Amino acid sequence: MADAVVKVTSKGQLTLPVGIRENLDIGEDDYLYVTEAGGLILMKRIGVDPKEILNAFQRAAKEVGLTRKELNRAIQEIRRAKG
């Protein structure tokens, strides 16, 4: 295992050392699952399926009563704001 000390930025970001990224095959577009256990921060590289994300988002929207039309309108507003 590659031990290291890392600094957390004012935005809560940190850099994973290259040795750890290489050992665990963590790349630029990978996602990490992060949890806390007994004062430790645990991270695990996970695969993310866009269809799974979409399905979860659709279930959550349905639970709060958003219609597809309302959801599309909200997405358009966000896109315009990012413009």
PDB file of N, CA and C in Angstrom:
ATOM      1  N   MET A   1       0.844  -1.178   0.000  1.00  0.00           N
ATOM      2  CA  MET A   1       0.000   0.000   0.000  1.00  0.00           C
ATOM      3  C   MET A   1       0.886   1.238   0.000  1.00  0.00           C
ATOM      4  N   ALA A   2       0.468   2.266  -0.709  1.00  0.00           N
ATOM      5  CA  ALA A   2       1.211   3.526  -0.779  1.00  0.00           C
ATOM      6  C   ALA A   2       0.649   4.486   0.259  1.00  0.00           C
ATOM      7  N   ASP A   3       1.416   4.734   1.332  1.00  0.00           N
ATOM      8  CA  ASP A   3       0.989   5.670   2.363  1.00  0.00           C
ATOM      9  C   ASP A   3       1.329   7.081   1.937  1.00  0.00           C
ATOM     10  N   ALA A   4       0.510   8.049   2.363  1.00  0.00           N
ATOM     11  CA  ALA A   4       0.766   9.430   1.998  1.00  0.00           C
ATOM     12  C   ALA A   4       0.027  10.363   2.940  1.00  0.00           C
ATOM     13  N   VAL A   5       0.486  11.588   3.001  1.00  0.00           N
ATOM     14  CA  VAL A   5      -0.213  12.651   3.706  1.00  0.00           C
ATOM     15  C   VAL A   5      -0.716  13.605   2.636  1.00  0.00           C
ATOM     16  N   VAL A   6      -2.010  13.942   2.694  1.00  0.00           N
ATOM     17  CA  VAL A   6      -2.581  14.860   1.717  1.00  0.00           C
ATOM     18  C   VAL A   6      -3.212  16.033   2.446  1.00  0.00           C
ATOM     19  N   LYS A   7      -3.322  17.155   1.765  1.00  0.00           N
ATOM     20  CA  LYS A   7      -3.906  18.370   2.333  1.00  0.00           C
ATOM     21  C   LYS A   7      -5.305  18.560   1.756  1.00  0.00           C
ATOM     22  N   VAL A   8      -6.232  18.926   2.606  1.00  0.00           N
ATOM     23  CA  VAL A   8      -7.598  19.226   2.172  1.00  0.00           C
ATOM     24  C   VAL A   8      -7.672  20.715   1.879  1.00  0.00           C
ATOM     25  N   THR A   9      -8.226  21.095   0.702  1.00  0.00           N
ATOM     26  CA  THR A   9      -8.329  22.507   0.334  1.00  0.00           C
ATOM     27  C   THR A   9      -9.514  23.161   1.037  1.00  0.00           C
ATOM     28  N   SER A  10      -9.633  24.469   0.866  1.00  0.00           N
ATOM     29  CA  SER A  10     -10.747  25.209   1.473  1.00  0.00           C
ATOM     30  C   SER A  10     -12.093  24.744   0.933  1.00  0.00           C
ATOM     31  N   LYS A  11     -12.091  24.113  -0.233  1.00  0.00           N
ATOM     32  CA  LYS A  11     -13.325  23.596  -0.827  1.00  0.00           C
ATOM     33  C   LYS A  11     -13.546  22.123  -0.482  1.00  0.00           C
ATOM     34  N   GLY A  12     -12.728  21.574   0.401  1.00  0.00           N
ATOM     35  CA  GLY A  12     -12.885  20.186   0.808  1.00  0.00           C
ATOM     36  C   GLY A  12     -12.290  19.190  -0.165  1.00  0.00           C
ATOM     37  N   GLN A  13     -11.498  19.649  -1.104  1.00  0.00           N
ATOM     38  CA  GLN A  13     -10.921  18.758  -2.102  1.00  0.00           C
ATOM     39  C   GLN A  13      -9.561  18.240  -1.633  1.00  0.00           C
ATOM     40  N   LEU A  14      -9.193  17.066  -2.124  1.00  0.00           N
ATOM     41  CA  LEU A  14      -7.865  16.539  -1.874  1.00  0.00           C
ATOM     42  C   LEU A  14      -7.383  15.835  -3.133  1.00  0.00           C
ATOM     43  N   THR A  15      -6.088  15.629  -3.205  1.00  0.00           N
ATOM     44  CA  THR A  15      -5.502  14.934  -4.350  1.00  0.00           C
ATOM     45  C   THR A  15      -5.047  13.557  -3.906  1.00  0.00           C
ATOM     46  N   LEU A  16      -5.496  12.543  -4.617  1.00  0.00           N
ATOM     47  CA  LEU A  16      -5.026  11.190  -4.325  1.00  0.00           C
ATOM     48  C   LEU A  16      -3.633  11.034  -4.921  1.00  0.00           C
ATOM     49  N   PRO A  17      -2.677  10.578  -4.148  1.00  0.00           N
ATOM     50  CA  PRO A  17      -1.313  10.409  -4.658  1.00  0.00           C
ATOM     51  C   PRO A  17      -1.279   9.439  -5.842  1.00  0.00           C
ATOM     52  N   VAL A  18      -0.353   9.687  -6.740  1.00  0.00           N
ATOM     53  CA  VAL A  18      -0.253   8.917  -7.968  1.00  0.00           C
ATOM     54  C   VAL A  18      -0.073   7.427  -7.683  1.00  0.00           C
ATOM     55  N   GLY A  19       0.699   7.075  -6.660  1.00  0.00           N
ATOM     56  CA  GLY A  19       0.919   5.658  -6.341  1.00  0.00           C
ATOM     57  C   GLY A  19      -0.371   4.941  -5.980  1.00  0.00           C
ATOM     58  N   ILE A  20      -1.224   5.617  -5.225  1.00  0.00           N
ATOM     59  CA  ILE A  20      -2.516   5.028  -4.851  1.00  0.00           C
ATOM     60  C   ILE A  20      -3.410   4.917  -6.073  1.00  0.00           C
ATOM     61  N   ARG A  21      -3.441   5.978  -6.899  1.00  0.00           N
ATOM     62  CA  ARG A  21      -4.270   5.929  -8.109  1.00  0.00           C
ATOM     63  C   ARG A  21      -3.823   4.805  -9.028  1.00  0.00           C
ATOM     64  N   GLU A  22      -2.524   4.635  -9.178  1.00  0.00           N
ATOM     65  CA  GLU A  22      -2.016   3.566 -10.048  1.00  0.00           C
ATOM     66  C   GLU A  22      -2.311   2.189  -9.469  1.00  0.00           C
ATOM     67  N   ASN A  23      -2.080   2.015  -8.156  1.00  0.00           N
ATOM     68  CA  ASN A  23      -2.322   0.708  -7.522  1.00  0.00           C
ATOM     69  C   ASN A  23      -3.778   0.288  -7.632  1.00  0.00           C
ATOM     70  N   LEU A  24      -4.695   1.252  -7.569  1.00  0.00           N
ATOM     71  CA  LEU A  24      -6.125   0.943  -7.586  1.00  0.00           C
ATOM     72  C   LEU A  24      -6.769   1.206  -8.941  1.00  0.00           C
ATOM     73  N   ASP A  25      -5.949   1.563  -9.918  1.00  0.00           N
ATOM     74  CA  ASP A  25      -6.435   1.828 -11.278  1.00  0.00           C
ATOM     75  C   ASP A  25      -7.552   2.879 -11.272  1.00  0.00           C
ATOM     76  N   ILE A  26      -7.306   3.994 -10.575  1.00  0.00           N
ATOM     77  CA  ILE A  26      -8.262   5.093 -10.506  1.00  0.00           C
ATOM     78  C   ILE A  26      -7.862   6.127 -11.535  1.00  0.00           C
ATOM     79  N   GLY A  27      -8.788   6.432 -12.447  1.00  0.00           N
ATOM     80  CA  GLY A  27      -8.520   7.392 -13.511  1.00  0.00           C
ATOM     81  C   GLY A  27      -9.355   8.649 -13.380  1.00  0.00           C
ATOM     82  N   GLU A  28      -9.170   9.536 -14.323  1.00  0.00           N
ATOM     83  CA  GLU A  28      -9.787  10.872 -14.297  1.00  0.00           C
ATOM     84  C   GLU A  28     -11.308  10.860 -14.183  1.00  0.00           C
ATOM     85  N   ASP A  29     -11.986   9.994 -14.886  1.00  0.00           N
ATOM     86  CA  ASP A  29     -13.447  10.008 -14.887  1.00  0.00           C
ATOM     87  C   ASP A  29     -14.064   8.941 -13.986  1.00  0.00           C
ATOM     88  N   ASP A  30     -13.262   8.335 -13.119  1.00  0.00           N
ATOM     89  CA  ASP A  30     -13.782   7.325 -12.214  1.00  0.00           C
ATOM     90  C   ASP A  30     -14.518   7.977 -11.045  1.00  0.00           C
ATOM     91  N   TYR A  31     -15.404   7.209 -10.420  1.00  0.00           N
ATOM     92  CA  TYR A  31     -16.139   7.663  -9.244  1.00  0.00           C
ATOM     93  C   TYR A  31     -15.682   6.859  -8.040  1.00  0.00           C
ATOM     94  N   LEU A  32     -15.676   7.525  -6.882  1.00  0.00           N
ATOM     95  CA  LEU A  32     -15.328   6.863  -5.639  1.00  0.00           C
ATOM     96  C   LEU A  32     -16.515   6.916  -4.692  1.00  0.00           C
ATOM     97  N   TYR A  33     -16.778   5.813  -4.029  1.00  0.00           N
ATOM     98  CA  TYR A  33     -17.769   5.768  -2.959  1.00  0.00           C
ATOM     99  C   TYR A  33     -17.013   6.130  -1.691  1.00  0.00           C
ATOM    100  N   VAL A  34     -17.523   7.091  -0.912  1.00  0.00           N
ATOM    101  CA  VAL A  34     -16.844   7.565   0.293  1.00  0.00           C
ATOM    102  C   VAL A  34     -17.772   7.386   1.484  1.00  0.00           C
ATOM    103  N   THR A  35     -17.216   6.829   2.580  1.00  0.00           N
ATOM    104  CA  THR A  35     -17.993   6.665   3.804  1.00  0.00           C
ATOM    105  C   THR A  35     -17.068   6.856   4.996  1.00  0.00           C
ATOM    106  N   GLU A  36     -17.660   7.052   6.156  1.00  0.00           N
ATOM    107  CA  GLU A  36     -16.911   7.206   7.403  1.00  0.00           C
ATOM    108  C   GLU A  36     -17.227   6.009   8.280  1.00  0.00           C
ATOM    109  N   ALA A  37     -16.197   5.482   8.909  1.00  0.00           N
ATOM    110  CA  ALA A  37     -16.399   4.333   9.806  1.00  0.00           C
ATOM    111  C   ALA A  37     -15.404   4.419  10.951  1.00  0.00           C
ATOM    112  N   GLY A  38     -15.903   4.650  12.140  1.00  0.00           N
ATOM    113  CA  GLY A  38     -15.044   4.671  13.317  1.00  0.00           C
ATOM    114  C   GLY A  38     -13.918   5.677  13.247  1.00  0.00           C
ATOM    115  N   GLY A  39     -14.194   6.849  12.706  1.00  0.00           N
ATOM    116  CA  GLY A  39     -13.176   7.886  12.602  1.00  0.00           C
ATOM    117  C   GLY A  39     -12.273   7.763  11.388  1.00  0.00           C
ATOM    118  N   LEU A  40     -12.516   6.771  10.550  1.00  0.00           N
ATOM    119  CA  LEU A  40     -11.741   6.589   9.317  1.00  0.00           C
ATOM    120  C   LEU A  40     -12.572   7.015   8.120  1.00  0.00           C
ATOM    121  N   ILE A  41     -11.916   7.510   7.097  1.00  0.00           N
ATOM    122  CA  ILE A  41     -12.575   7.817   5.828  1.00  0.00           C
ATOM    123  C   ILE A  41     -12.209   6.687   4.876  1.00  0.00           C
ATOM    124  N   LEU A  42     -13.224   6.004   4.372  1.00  0.00           N
ATOM    125  CA  LEU A  42     -13.001   4.888   3.464  1.00  0.00           C
ATOM    126  C   LEU A  42     -13.484   5.270   2.071  1.00  0.00           C
ATOM    127  N   MET A  43     -12.695   4.926   1.058  1.00  0.00           N
ATOM    128  CA  MET A  43     -13.060   5.206  -0.327  1.00  0.00           C
ATOM    129  C   MET A  43     -12.906   3.933  -1.149  1.00  0.00           C
ATOM    130  N   LYS A  44     -13.816   3.789  -2.111  1.00  0.00           N
ATOM    131  CA  LYS A  44     -13.751   2.636  -3.008  1.00  0.00           C
ATOM    132  C   LYS A  44     -14.136   3.095  -4.411  1.00  0.00           C
ATOM    133  N   ARG A  45     -13.334   2.702  -5.389  1.00  0.00           N
ATOM    134  CA  ARG A  45     -13.658   3.019  -6.784  1.00  0.00           C
ATOM    135  C   ARG A  45     -14.882   2.213  -7.178  1.00  0.00           C
ATOM    136  N   ILE A  46     -15.835   2.878  -7.820  1.00  0.00           N
ATOM    137  CA  ILE A  46     -17.047   2.197  -8.263  1.00  0.00           C
ATOM    138  C   ILE A  46     -17.304   2.528  -9.727  1.00  0.00           C
ATOM    139  N   GLY A  47     -18.000   1.640 -10.386  1.00  0.00           N
ATOM    140  CA  GLY A  47     -18.452   1.907 -11.740  1.00  0.00           C
ATOM    141  C   GLY A  47     -19.812   2.572 -11.662  1.00  0.00           C
ATOM    142  N   VAL A  48     -20.061   3.509 -12.523  1.00  0.00           N
ATOM    143  CA  VAL A  48     -21.349   4.201 -12.528  1.00  0.00           C
ATOM    144  C   VAL A  48     -21.997   3.998 -13.886  1.00  0.00           C
ATOM    145  N   ASP A  49     -23.183   3.443 -13.870  1.00  0.00           N
ATOM    146  CA  ASP A  49     -23.952   3.228 -15.086  1.00  0.00           C
ATOM    147  C   ASP A  49     -24.934   4.382 -15.238  1.00  0.00           C
ATOM    148  N   PRO A  50     -24.810   5.174 -16.301  1.00  0.00           N
ATOM    149  CA  PRO A  50     -25.721   6.307 -16.483  1.00  0.00           C
ATOM    150  C   PRO A  50     -27.195   5.911 -16.432  1.00  0.00           C
ATOM    151  N   LYS A  51     -27.534   4.707 -16.880  1.00  0.00           N
ATOM    152  CA  LYS A  51     -28.927   4.257 -16.827  1.00  0.00           C
ATOM    153  C   LYS A  51     -29.390   4.100 -15.384  1.00  0.00           C
ATOM    154  N   GLU A  52     -28.489   3.618 -14.515  1.00  0.00           N
ATOM    155  CA  GLU A  52     -28.830   3.486 -13.101  1.00  0.00           C
ATOM    156  C   GLU A  52     -29.089   4.855 -12.479  1.00  0.00           C
ATOM    157  N   ILE A  53     -28.268   5.827 -12.841  1.00  0.00           N
ATOM    158  CA  ILE A  53     -28.449   7.188 -12.319  1.00  0.00           C
ATOM    159  C   ILE A  53     -29.781   7.743 -12.792  1.00  0.00           C
ATOM    160  N   LEU A  54     -30.087   7.571 -14.071  1.00  0.00           N
ATOM    161  CA  LEU A  54     -31.348   8.060 -14.618  1.00  0.00           C
ATOM    162  C   LEU A  54     -32.534   7.398 -13.933  1.00  0.00           C
ATOM    163  N   ASN A  55     -32.473   6.089 -13.734  1.00  0.00           N
ATOM    164  CA  ASN A  55     -33.562   5.376 -13.070  1.00  0.00           C
ATOM    165  C   ASN A  55     -33.761   5.869 -11.638  1.00  0.00           C
ATOM    166  N   ALA A  56     -32.679   6.080 -10.919  1.00  0.00           N
ATOM    167  CA  ALA A  56     -32.778   6.572  -9.540  1.00  0.00           C
ATOM    168  C   ALA A  56     -33.372   7.971  -9.518  1.00  0.00           C
ATOM    169  N   PHE A  57     -32.953   8.814 -10.457  1.00  0.00           N
ATOM    170  CA  PHE A  57     -33.465  10.180 -10.543  1.00  0.00           C
ATOM    171  C   PHE A  57     -34.957  10.169 -10.861  1.00  0.00           C
ATOM    172  N   GLN A  58     -35.367   9.311 -11.775  1.00  0.00           N
ATOM    173  CA  GLN A  58     -36.781   9.219 -12.138  1.00  0.00           C
ATOM    174  C   GLN A  58     -37.628   8.721 -10.966  1.00  0.00           C
ATOM    175  N   ARG A  59     -37.109   7.747 -10.211  1.00  0.00           N
ATOM    176  CA  ARG A  59     -37.838   7.255  -9.033  1.00  0.00           C
ATOM    177  C   ARG A  59     -37.994   8.367  -7.995  1.00  0.00           C
ATOM    178  N   ALA A  60     -36.913   9.129  -7.772  1.00  0.00           N
ATOM    179  CA  ALA A  60     -36.962  10.216  -6.785  1.00  0.00           C
ATOM    180  C   ALA A  60     -37.949  11.290  -7.219  1.00  0.00           C
ATOM    181  N   ALA A  61     -37.965  11.635  -8.516  1.00  0.00           N
ATOM    182  CA  ALA A  61     -38.897  12.637  -9.029  1.00  0.00           C
ATOM    183  C   ALA A  61     -40.339  12.168  -8.854  1.00  0.00           C
ATOM    184  N   LYS A  62     -40.571  10.894  -9.106  1.00  0.00           N
ATOM    185  CA  LYS A  62     -41.913  10.337  -8.963  1.00  0.00           C
ATOM    186  C   LYS A  62     -42.366  10.379  -7.503  1.00  0.00           C
ATOM    187  N   GLU A  63     -41.443  10.082  -6.587  1.00  0.00           N
ATOM    188  CA  GLU A  63     -41.771  10.083  -5.156  1.00  0.00           C
ATOM    189  C   GLU A  63     -42.211  11.464  -4.668  1.00  0.00           C
ATOM    190  N   VAL A  64     -41.628  12.525  -5.234  1.00  0.00           N
ATOM    191  CA  VAL A  64     -42.002  13.879  -4.796  1.00  0.00           C
ATOM    192  C   VAL A  64     -43.093  14.477  -5.674  1.00  0.00           C
ATOM    193  N   GLY A  65     -43.575  13.704  -6.646  1.00  0.00           N
ATOM    194  CA  GLY A  65     -44.705  14.139  -7.456  1.00  0.00           C
ATOM    195  C   GLY A  65     -44.375  15.036  -8.629  1.00  0.00           C
ATOM    196  N   LEU A  66     -43.124  15.040  -9.084  1.00  0.00           N
ATOM    197  CA  LEU A  66     -42.764  15.837 -10.265  1.00  0.00           C
ATOM    198  C   LEU A  66     -43.222  15.132 -11.527  1.00  0.00           C
ATOM    199  N   THR A  67     -43.860  15.882 -12.418  1.00  0.00           N
ATOM    200  CA  THR A  67     -44.238  15.322 -13.709  1.00  0.00           C
ATOM    201  C   THR A  67     -43.045  15.426 -14.654  1.00  0.00           C
ATOM    202  N   ARG A  68     -43.104  14.677 -15.737  1.00  0.00           N
ATOM    203  CA  ARG A  68     -42.035  14.746 -16.733  1.00  0.00           C
ATOM    204  C   ARG A  68     -41.909  16.165 -17.287  1.00  0.00           C
ATOM    205  N   LYS A  69     -43.052  16.828 -17.497  1.00  0.00           N
ATOM    206  CA  LYS A  69     -43.045  18.191 -18.019  1.00  0.00           C
ATOM    207  C   LYS A  69     -42.341  19.142 -17.038  1.00  0.00           C
ATOM    208  N   GLU A  70     -42.655  19.020 -15.753  1.00  0.00           N
ATOM    209  CA  GLU A  70     -42.008  19.868 -14.741  1.00  0.00           C
ATOM    210  C   GLU A  70     -40.513  19.583 -14.660  1.00  0.00           C
ATOM    211  N   LEU A  71     -40.164  18.325 -14.758  1.00  0.00           N
ATOM    212  CA  LEU A  71     -38.768  17.929 -14.719  1.00  0.00           C
ATOM    213  C   LEU A  71     -38.003  18.492 -15.911  1.00  0.00           C
ATOM    214  N   ASN A  72     -38.572  18.380 -17.105  1.00  0.00           N
ATOM    215  CA  ASN A  72     -37.935  18.928 -18.304  1.00  0.00           C
ATOM    216  C   ASN A  72     -37.785  20.443 -18.200  1.00  0.00           C
ATOM    217  N   ARG A  73     -38.800  21.114 -17.652  1.00  0.00           N
ATOM    218  CA  ARG A  73     -38.737  22.569 -17.489  1.00  0.00           C
ATOM    219  C   ARG A  73     -37.585  22.947 -16.539  1.00  0.00           C
ATOM    220  N   ALA A  74     -37.460  22.214 -15.444  1.00  0.00           N
ATOM    221  CA  ALA A  74     -36.390  22.482 -14.486  1.00  0.00           C
ATOM    222  C   ALA A  74     -35.017  22.267 -15.118  1.00  0.00           C
ATOM    223  N   ILE A  75     -34.883  21.219 -15.915  1.00  0.00           N
ATOM    224  CA  ILE A  75     -33.612  20.945 -16.595  1.00  0.00           C
ATOM    225  C   ILE A  75     -33.270  22.081 -17.555  1.00  0.00           C
ATOM    226  N   GLN A  76     -34.249  22.549 -18.301  1.00  0.00           N
ATOM    227  CA  GLN A  76     -34.019  23.654 -19.240  1.00  0.00           C
ATOM    228  C   GLN A  76     -33.590  24.925 -18.504  1.00  0.00           C
ATOM    229  N   GLU A  77     -34.221  25.207 -17.356  1.00  0.00           N
ATOM    230  CA  GLU A  77     -33.865  26.390 -16.576  1.00  0.00           C
ATOM    231  C   GLU A  77     -32.417  26.303 -16.075  1.00  0.00           C
ATOM    232  N   ILE A  78     -32.023  25.120 -15.646  1.00  0.00           N
ATOM    233  CA  ILE A  78     -30.642  24.941 -15.189  1.00  0.00           C
ATOM    234  C   ILE A  78     -29.674  25.134 -16.335  1.00  0.00           C
ATOM    235  N   ARG A  79     -29.998  24.583 -17.495  1.00  0.00           N
ATOM    236  CA  ARG A  79     -29.117  24.738 -18.661  1.00  0.00           C
ATOM    237  C   ARG A  79     -28.987  26.195 -19.071  1.00  0.00           C
ATOM    238  N   ARG A  80     -30.101  26.941 -19.041  1.00  0.00           N
ATOM    239  CA  ARG A  80     -30.043  28.365 -19.379  1.00  0.00           C
ATOM    240  C   ARG A  80     -29.195  29.134 -18.375  1.00  0.00           C
ATOM    241  N   ALA A  81     -29.331  28.803 -17.108  1.00  0.00           N
ATOM    242  CA  ALA A  81     -28.570  29.489 -16.067  1.00  0.00           C
ATOM    243  C   ALA A  81     -27.074  29.253 -16.221  1.00  0.00           C
ATOM    244  N   LYS A  82     -26.702  28.048 -16.673  1.00  0.00           N
ATOM    245  CA  LYS A  82     -25.285  27.731 -16.869  1.00  0.00           C
ATOM    246  C   LYS A  82     -24.728  28.420 -18.107  1.00  0.00           C
ATOM    247  N   GLY A  83     -25.651  28.687 -19.084  1.00  0.00           N
ATOM    248  CA  GLY A  83     -25.438  29.304 -20.356  1.00  0.00           C
ATOM    249  C   GLY A  83     -24.130  29.755 -20.697  1.00  0.00           C
TER     250      GLY A  83
END
